[in-house]
Amino acid sequence: MEKKRIIFDLNGTLFEGLDYESRLRFLLNCWGIEYSDEEIKRCLSAMIHYEEHYDHYTIDDYTEYLRSISGLKIDNNFIKYFLSRADILAPERIEGDIVDVLEYLSKRYDLAVLTNYFAYAQAAQMDHLGIVHYFSEICGGEKAIKPNKEAFLAACGAYKPEECIMIGDDPKKDIEGARMVPMDAIYYNRKGNINSSEEINDIKHLKYIL
């Protein structure tokens, strides 16, 4: 069936280099919250491992998990502030090839993002990088997180799964999850050798296969 919507993963696919540690320290300082290096380390680890314990994101769950693991004296208001400043986590610029590809694909397909984090925080990062206007929808982890089937179905929007294709850099969350729907998927294997026609290691290749 003809593809109508292309669904992109965000972190690791459209951009890399999120600086959580220095920004977390900066915002804690802004709030006058004392912290140790060990507490920072545990908080960053909790951010990574949250998805192993929850099937979606809520402010209450996220705050409680980070607080219980790290020992930091943070509350919901701090986490909301942290998320509202998500734009400063993003790198200063995005690769030119990615902008070129999005410009090309957006004229031929409806583009969406499927991310496991809070949608509005990711939108702020995308806006900071000047790419948010290419996408008609940003589906976040508030509904469900990858590789859960519900996340991919939500990202389809008004389209059928067979009219969509998922592009991501995580073989389990992005690729296996999509294929369980079932939905076609392209693995962005940016650091490895290409082993199949359903893999790319250069984002520019999307212009030639889609």
Foldseek 3Di string as FASTA:
>chain_A
DAAAEEEEEPEPTFAYQFDPLVLVVVLCVVVVWDADPQLSVQLVVQVVCVVVPDFFDDLQSNQVSSCVRRVTPDDSVSVVVSLVVLLVRADQETDPLSVVLLVLVLVPHAYEYQYAADQVSVLSNCVSHPRNVSHPYYQYRRQGFFLALVSQVVRCPPHDQANYEYEYADCGRTPVSCCVNPHHYAHQPQPDDDDDPSYDNDSNCVSVPD
